Each structure stands twice: as C-alpha cells, then as structure tokens.
Amino acid sequence: MQNAPARRYRHYKGGEYEWLCEATYEPDPTVRMTIYRAANGTIWARPSAIFHEKVEVDGRQVPRFAPID
C-alpha cells in the first residue's frame, strides 16, 4: 500500500487535521479507511468514503474535510 505525503484538511466545523495514510479495515477488506491526526495529536480513523463525502451546511453541500494546502 502506498502512502501519499501528509496533507492538511479543515473539517467543515472548523478543526484542522493532517491526513496520514489510507488503510484497509481488517473485518472488511473492501472498506478503505482514512487515518488522520487532529491538532491536539489524537489519531482518528474514518471510512474514506465518509472522509471525502459532502455534507449539508446552511442548505449548501460542502466537503466534510476540505484541503487547505
């Protein structure tokens, strides 16, 4: 599995996160996970489809995580 260089993202609620890598979800290898780090150092994992989806905010569709680099 190849990992891209880390990128910074802003969550639609305002937090900044550093993308670390993609991973395979062990119970279901068809699910790709995005691994990322919060500004406070906490490491998070979220299904990649959810990480990259759009959410509705004030009637508009915006990225859940938007690149800031």
PDB file of N, CA and C in Angstrom:
ATOM      1  N   MET A   1       0.845  -1.169   0.000  1.00  0.00           N
ATOM      2  CA  MET A   1       0.000   0.000   0.000  1.00  0.00           C
ATOM      3  C   MET A   1       0.892   1.234   0.000  1.00  0.00           C
ATOM      4  N   GLN A   2       0.564   2.174  -0.869  1.00  0.00           N
ATOM      5  CA  GLN A   2       1.362   3.391  -0.956  1.00  0.00           C
ATOM      6  C   GLN A   2       0.729   4.500  -0.139  1.00  0.00           C
ATOM      7  N   ASN A   3       1.556   5.264   0.506  1.00  0.00           N
ATOM      8  CA  ASN A   3       1.079   6.409   1.273  1.00  0.00           C
ATOM      9  C   ASN A   3       1.549   7.686   0.596  1.00  0.00           C
ATOM     10  N   ALA A   4       0.635   8.631   0.475  1.00  0.00           N
ATOM     11  CA  ALA A   4       0.967   9.930  -0.108  1.00  0.00           C
ATOM     12  C   ALA A   4       1.533  10.825   0.984  1.00  0.00           C
ATOM     13  N   PRO A   5       2.208  11.895   0.603  1.00  0.00           N
ATOM     14  CA  PRO A   5       2.676  12.854   1.612  1.00  0.00           C
ATOM     15  C   PRO A   5       1.492  13.403   2.404  1.00  0.00           C
ATOM     16  N   ALA A   6       1.733  13.709   3.646  1.00  0.00           N
ATOM     17  CA  ALA A   6       0.668  14.241   4.502  1.00  0.00           C
ATOM     18  C   ALA A   6       0.127  15.544   3.931  1.00  0.00           C
ATOM     19  N   ARG A   7      -1.177  15.731   4.094  1.00  0.00           N
ATOM     20  CA  ARG A   7      -1.844  16.961   3.666  1.00  0.00           C
ATOM     21  C   ARG A   7      -2.687  17.469   4.816  1.00  0.00           C
ATOM     22  N   ARG A   8      -2.925  18.755   4.813  1.00  0.00           N
ATOM     23  CA  ARG A   8      -3.767  19.345   5.861  1.00  0.00           C
ATOM     24  C   ARG A   8      -5.179  19.567   5.329  1.00  0.00           C
ATOM     25  N   TYR A   9      -6.141  19.321   6.207  1.00  0.00           N
ATOM     26  CA  TYR A   9      -7.551  19.496   5.865  1.00  0.00           C
ATOM     27  C   TYR A   9      -8.230  20.289   6.960  1.00  0.00           C
ATOM     28  N   ARG A  10      -9.298  21.001   6.572  1.00  0.00           N
ATOM     29  CA  ARG A  10     -10.135  21.696   7.548  1.00  0.00           C
ATOM     30  C   ARG A  10     -11.492  21.005   7.537  1.00  0.00           C
ATOM     31  N   HIS A  11     -11.933  20.580   8.725  1.00  0.00           N
ATOM     32  CA  HIS A  11     -13.254  19.979   8.878  1.00  0.00           C
ATOM     33  C   HIS A  11     -14.298  21.074   8.709  1.00  0.00           C
ATOM     34  N   TYR A  12     -15.463  20.722   8.217  1.00  0.00           N
ATOM     35  CA  TYR A  12     -16.485  21.748   7.976  1.00  0.00           C
ATOM     36  C   TYR A  12     -16.905  22.472   9.248  1.00  0.00           C
ATOM     37  N   LYS A  13     -16.623  21.889  10.424  1.00  0.00           N
ATOM     38  CA  LYS A  13     -16.918  22.571  11.689  1.00  0.00           C
ATOM     39  C   LYS A  13     -15.737  23.423  12.165  1.00  0.00           C
ATOM     40  N   GLY A  14     -14.604  23.398  11.417  1.00  0.00           N
ATOM     41  CA  GLY A  14     -13.512  24.316  11.712  1.00  0.00           C
ATOM     42  C   GLY A  14     -12.188  23.727  12.152  1.00  0.00           C
ATOM     43  N   GLY A  15     -12.146  22.504  12.634  1.00  0.00           N
ATOM     44  CA  GLY A  15     -10.888  21.917  13.098  1.00  0.00           C
ATOM     45  C   GLY A  15      -9.930  21.630  11.951  1.00  0.00           C
ATOM     46  N   GLU A  16      -8.629  21.667  12.252  1.00  0.00           N
ATOM     47  CA  GLU A  16      -7.614  21.327  11.253  1.00  0.00           C
ATOM     48  C   GLU A  16      -7.045  19.950  11.556  1.00  0.00           C
ATOM     49  N   TYR A  17      -6.810  19.177  10.480  1.00  0.00           N
ATOM     50  CA  TYR A  17      -6.346  17.802  10.601  1.00  0.00           C
ATOM     51  C   TYR A  17      -5.269  17.529   9.564  1.00  0.00           C
ATOM     52  N   GLU A  18      -4.384  16.617   9.898  1.00  0.00           N
ATOM     53  CA  GLU A  18      -3.322  16.193   8.987  1.00  0.00           C
ATOM     54  C   GLU A  18      -3.638  14.788   8.499  1.00  0.00           C
ATOM     55  N   TRP A  19      -3.790  14.632   7.183  1.00  0.00           N
ATOM     56  CA  TRP A  19      -4.016  13.323   6.576  1.00  0.00           C
ATOM     57  C   TRP A  19      -2.726  12.527   6.702  1.00  0.00           C
ATOM     58  N   LEU A  20      -2.807  11.289   7.198  1.00  0.00           N
ATOM     59  CA  LEU A  20      -1.611  10.476   7.383  1.00  0.00           C
ATOM     60  C   LEU A  20      -1.483   9.377   6.343  1.00  0.00           C
ATOM     61  N   CYS A  21      -2.536   8.577   6.156  1.00  0.00           N
ATOM     62  CA  CYS A  21      -2.464   7.469   5.205  1.00  0.00           C
ATOM     63  C   CYS A  21      -3.841   6.868   4.986  1.00  0.00           C
ATOM     64  N   GLU A  22      -3.907   5.958   4.030  1.00  0.00           N
ATOM     65  CA  GLU A  22      -5.088   5.132   3.807  1.00  0.00           C
ATOM     66  C   GLU A  22      -4.770   3.755   4.368  1.00  0.00           C
ATOM     67  N   ALA A  23      -5.784   3.063   4.865  1.00  0.00           N
ATOM     68  CA  ALA A  23      -5.593   1.735   5.441  1.00  0.00           C
ATOM     69  C   ALA A  23      -6.762   0.846   5.040  1.00  0.00           C
ATOM     70  N   THR A  24      -6.587  -0.454   5.223  1.00  0.00           N
ATOM     71  CA  THR A  24      -7.645  -1.423   4.973  1.00  0.00           C
ATOM     72  C   THR A  24      -8.300  -1.783   6.289  1.00  0.00           C
ATOM     73  N   TYR A  25      -9.624  -1.799   6.306  1.00  0.00           N
ATOM     74  CA  TYR A  25     -10.383  -2.159   7.506  1.00  0.00           C
ATOM     75  C   TYR A  25     -10.364  -3.675   7.635  1.00  0.00           C
ATOM     76  N   GLU A  26      -9.719  -4.202   8.666  1.00  0.00           N
ATOM     77  CA  GLU A  26      -9.461  -5.639   8.801  1.00  0.00           C
ATOM     78  C   GLU A  26     -10.724  -6.498   8.742  1.00  0.00           C
ATOM     79  N   PRO A  27     -11.823  -6.149   9.422  1.00  0.00           N
ATOM     80  CA  PRO A  27     -13.009  -7.010   9.342  1.00  0.00           C
ATOM     81  C   PRO A  27     -13.642  -7.055   7.951  1.00  0.00           C
ATOM     82  N   ASP A  28     -13.414  -6.023   7.129  1.00  0.00           N
ATOM     83  CA  ASP A  28     -13.974  -5.969   5.777  1.00  0.00           C
ATOM     84  C   ASP A  28     -12.963  -5.299   4.859  1.00  0.00           C
ATOM     85  N   PRO A  29     -12.109  -6.097   4.196  1.00  0.00           N
ATOM     86  CA  PRO A  29     -11.032  -5.538   3.373  1.00  0.00           C
ATOM     87  C   PRO A  29     -11.499  -4.666   2.210  1.00  0.00           C
ATOM     88  N   THR A  30     -12.800  -4.655   1.918  1.00  0.00           N
ATOM     89  CA  THR A  30     -13.289  -3.785   0.847  1.00  0.00           C
ATOM     90  C   THR A  30     -13.444  -2.344   1.327  1.00  0.00           C
ATOM     91  N   VAL A  31     -13.379  -2.125   2.643  1.00  0.00           N
ATOM     92  CA  VAL A  31     -13.545  -0.783   3.206  1.00  0.00           C
ATOM     93  C   VAL A  31     -12.176  -0.130   3.376  1.00  0.00           C
ATOM     94  N   ARG A  32     -12.003   1.026   2.722  1.00  0.00           N
ATOM     95  CA  ARG A  32     -10.772   1.809   2.874  1.00  0.00           C
ATOM     96  C   ARG A  32     -10.990   2.803   3.999  1.00  0.00           C
ATOM     97  N   MET A  33      -9.978   2.970   4.832  1.00  0.00           N
ATOM     98  CA  MET A  33     -10.045   3.897   5.957  1.00  0.00           C
ATOM     99  C   MET A  33      -9.046   5.026   5.733  1.00  0.00           C
ATOM    100  N   THR A  34      -9.414   6.219   6.136  1.00  0.00           N
ATOM    101  CA  THR A  34      -8.506   7.361   6.134  1.00  0.00           C
ATOM    102  C   THR A  34      -8.025   7.556   7.565  1.00  0.00           C
ATOM    103  N   ILE A  35      -6.725   7.622   7.738  1.00  0.00           N
ATOM    104  CA  ILE A  35      -6.115   7.828   9.050  1.00  0.00           C
ATOM    105  C   ILE A  35      -5.616   9.271   9.085  1.00  0.00           C
ATOM    106  N   TYR A  36      -6.007  10.001  10.130  1.00  0.00           N
ATOM    107  CA  TYR A  36      -5.647  11.416  10.205  1.00  0.00           C
ATOM    108  C   TYR A  36      -5.435  11.834  11.649  1.00  0.00           C
ATOM    109  N   ARG A  37      -4.723  12.962  11.823  1.00  0.00           N
ATOM    110  CA  ARG A  37      -4.343  13.434  13.155  1.00  0.00           C
ATOM    111  C   ARG A  37      -4.924  14.825  13.397  1.00  0.00           C
ATOM    112  N   ALA A  38      -5.520  14.988  14.576  1.00  0.00           N
ATOM    113  CA  ALA A  38      -6.046  16.293  14.992  1.00  0.00           C
ATOM    114  C   ALA A  38      -4.896  17.177  15.465  1.00  0.00           C
ATOM    115  N   ALA A  39      -5.151  18.460  15.571  1.00  0.00           N
ATOM    116  CA  ALA A  39      -4.134  19.411  16.030  1.00  0.00           C
ATOM    117  C   ALA A  39      -3.629  19.068  17.428  1.00  0.00           C
ATOM    118  N   ASN A  40      -4.468  18.419  18.254  1.00  0.00           N
ATOM    119  CA  ASN A  40      -4.049  18.058  19.614  1.00  0.00           C
ATOM    120  C   ASN A  40      -3.276  16.738  19.658  1.00  0.00           C
ATOM    121  N   GLY A  41      -3.035  16.115  18.486  1.00  0.00           N
ATOM    122  CA  GLY A  41      -2.256  14.888  18.416  1.00  0.00           C
ATOM    123  C   GLY A  41      -3.069  13.608  18.380  1.00  0.00           C
ATOM    124  N   THR A  42      -4.373  13.687  18.610  1.00  0.00           N
ATOM    125  CA  THR A  42      -5.226  12.496  18.579  1.00  0.00           C
ATOM    126  C   THR A  42      -5.278  11.934  17.164  1.00  0.00           C
ATOM    127  N   ILE A  43      -5.079  10.621  17.045  1.00  0.00           N
ATOM    128  CA  ILE A  43      -5.159   9.940  15.753  1.00  0.00           C
ATOM    129  C   ILE A  43      -6.577   9.407  15.585  1.00  0.00           C
ATOM    130  N   TRP A  44      -7.154   9.643  14.413  1.00  0.00           N
ATOM    131  CA  TRP A  44      -8.507   9.205  14.099  1.00  0.00           C
ATOM    132  C   TRP A  44      -8.492   8.329  12.854  1.00  0.00           C
ATOM    133  N   ALA A  45      -9.506   7.465  12.737  1.00  0.00           N
ATOM    134  CA  ALA A  45      -9.730   6.662  11.533  1.00  0.00           C
ATOM    135  C   ALA A  45     -11.196   6.801  11.157  1.00  0.00           C
ATOM    136  N   ARG A  46     -11.444   6.957   9.878  1.00  0.00           N
ATOM    137  CA  ARG A  46     -12.811   7.123   9.391  1.00  0.00           C
ATOM    138  C   ARG A  46     -12.875   6.459   8.016  1.00  0.00           C
ATOM    139  N   PRO A  47     -13.978   5.803   7.668  1.00  0.00           N
ATOM    140  CA  PRO A  47     -14.071   5.267   6.311  1.00  0.00           C
ATOM    141  C   PRO A  47     -13.797   6.375   5.288  1.00  0.00           C
ATOM    142  N   SER A  48     -12.976   6.070   4.304  1.00  0.00           N
ATOM    143  CA  SER A  48     -12.576   7.081   3.320  1.00  0.00           C
ATOM    144  C   SER A  48     -13.773   7.690   2.603  1.00  0.00           C
ATOM    145  N   ALA A  49     -14.791   6.878   2.329  1.00  0.00           N
ATOM    146  CA  ALA A  49     -15.980   7.399   1.654  1.00  0.00           C
ATOM    147  C   ALA A  49     -16.635   8.500   2.487  1.00  0.00           C
ATOM    148  N   ILE A  50     -16.618   8.367   3.800  1.00  0.00           N
ATOM    149  CA  ILE A  50     -17.196   9.386   4.679  1.00  0.00           C
ATOM    150  C   ILE A  50     -16.252  10.583   4.795  1.00  0.00           C
ATOM    151  N   PHE A  51     -14.947  10.329   4.910  1.00  0.00           N
ATOM    152  CA  PHE A  51     -13.972  11.422   4.990  1.00  0.00           C
ATOM    153  C   PHE A  51     -14.118  12.361   3.791  1.00  0.00           C
ATOM    154  N   HIS A  52     -14.330  11.788   2.602  1.00  0.00           N
ATOM    155  CA  HIS A  52     -14.363  12.577   1.364  1.00  0.00           C
ATOM    156  C   HIS A  52     -15.767  12.987   0.927  1.00  0.00           C
ATOM    157  N   GLU A  53     -16.790  12.669   1.716  1.00  0.00           N
ATOM    158  CA  GLU A  53     -18.152  12.997   1.285  1.00  0.00           C
ATOM    159  C   GLU A  53     -18.471  14.474   1.502  1.00  0.00           C
ATOM    160  N   LYS A  54     -19.577  14.891   0.921  1.00  0.00           N
ATOM    161  CA  LYS A  54     -20.084  16.250   1.139  1.00  0.00           C
ATOM    162  C   LYS A  54     -21.198  16.179   2.171  1.00  0.00           C
ATOM    163  N   VAL A  55     -21.311  17.250   2.950  1.00  0.00           N
ATOM    164  CA  VAL A  55     -22.351  17.360   3.969  1.00  0.00           C
ATOM    165  C   VAL A  55     -23.108  18.664   3.729  1.00  0.00           C
ATOM    166  N   GLU A  56     -24.330  18.714   4.212  1.00  0.00           N
ATOM    167  CA  GLU A  56     -25.128  19.924   4.034  1.00  0.00           C
ATOM    168  C   GLU A  56     -24.930  20.870   5.209  1.00  0.00           C
ATOM    169  N   VAL A  57     -24.572  22.108   4.886  1.00  0.00           N
ATOM    170  CA  VAL A  57     -24.393  23.159   5.889  1.00  0.00           C
ATOM    171  C   VAL A  57     -25.135  24.392   5.387  1.00  0.00           C
ATOM    172  N   ASP A  58     -26.102  24.843   6.137  1.00  0.00           N
ATOM    173  CA  ASP A  58     -26.898  26.019   5.752  1.00  0.00           C
ATOM    174  C   ASP A  58     -27.456  25.890   4.338  1.00  0.00           C
ATOM    175  N   GLY A  59     -27.937  24.685   3.999  1.00  0.00           N
ATOM    176  CA  GLY A  59     -28.546  24.459   2.694  1.00  0.00           C
ATOM    177  C   GLY A  59     -27.577  24.257   1.545  1.00  0.00           C
ATOM    178  N   ARG A  60     -26.279  24.249   1.822  1.00  0.00           N
ATOM    179  CA  ARG A  60     -25.261  24.052   0.775  1.00  0.00           C
ATOM    180  C   ARG A  60     -24.519  22.754   1.022  1.00  0.00           C
ATOM    181  N   GLN A  61     -24.051  22.117  -0.039  1.00  0.00           N
ATOM    182  CA  GLN A  61     -23.212  20.930   0.057  1.00  0.00           C
ATOM    183  C   GLN A  61     -21.753  21.379   0.120  1.00  0.00           C
ATOM    184  N   VAL A  62     -21.058  20.998   1.178  1.00  0.00           N
ATOM    185  CA  VAL A  62     -19.644  21.347   1.349  1.00  0.00           C
ATOM    186  C   VAL A  62     -18.871  20.079   1.693  1.00  0.00           C
ATOM    187  N   PRO A  63     -17.576  20.033   1.396  1.00  0.00           N
ATOM    188  CA  PRO A  63     -16.785  18.856   1.770  1.00  0.00           C
ATOM    189  C   PRO A  63     -16.729  18.713   3.292  1.00  0.00           C
ATOM    190  N   ARG A  64     -16.839  17.472   3.766  1.00  0.00           N
ATOM    191  CA  ARG A  64     -16.661  17.221   5.208  1.00  0.00           C
ATOM    192  C   ARG A  64     -15.267  17.678   5.624  1.00  0.00           C
ATOM    193  N   PHE A  65     -14.252  17.343   4.823  1.00  0.00           N
ATOM    194  CA  PHE A  65     -12.870  17.773   5.035  1.00  0.00           C
ATOM    195  C   PHE A  65     -12.392  18.425   3.740  1.00  0.00           C
ATOM    196  N   ALA A  66     -12.040  19.694   3.793  1.00  0.00           N
ATOM    197  CA  ALA A  66     -11.562  20.416   2.611  1.00  0.00           C
ATOM    198  C   ALA A  66     -10.053  20.615   2.720  1.00  0.00           C
ATOM    199  N   PRO A  67      -9.300  20.315   1.637  1.00  0.00           N
ATOM    200  CA  PRO A  67      -7.849  20.524   1.682  1.00  0.00           C
ATOM    201  C   PRO A  67      -7.508  21.995   1.905  1.00  0.00           C
ATOM    202  N   ILE A  68      -6.485  22.250   2.717  1.00  0.00           N
ATOM    203  CA  ILE A  68      -6.053  23.633   2.954  1.00  0.00           C
ATOM    204  C   ILE A  68      -4.603  23.851   2.542  1.00  0.00           C
ATOM    205  N   ASP A  69      -3.967  22.866   1.965  1.00  0.00           N
ATOM    206  CA  ASP A  69      -2.589  23.015   1.464  1.00  0.00           C
ATOM    207  C   ASP A  69      -2.617  23.491   0.033  1.00  0.00           C
TER     208      ASP A  69
END
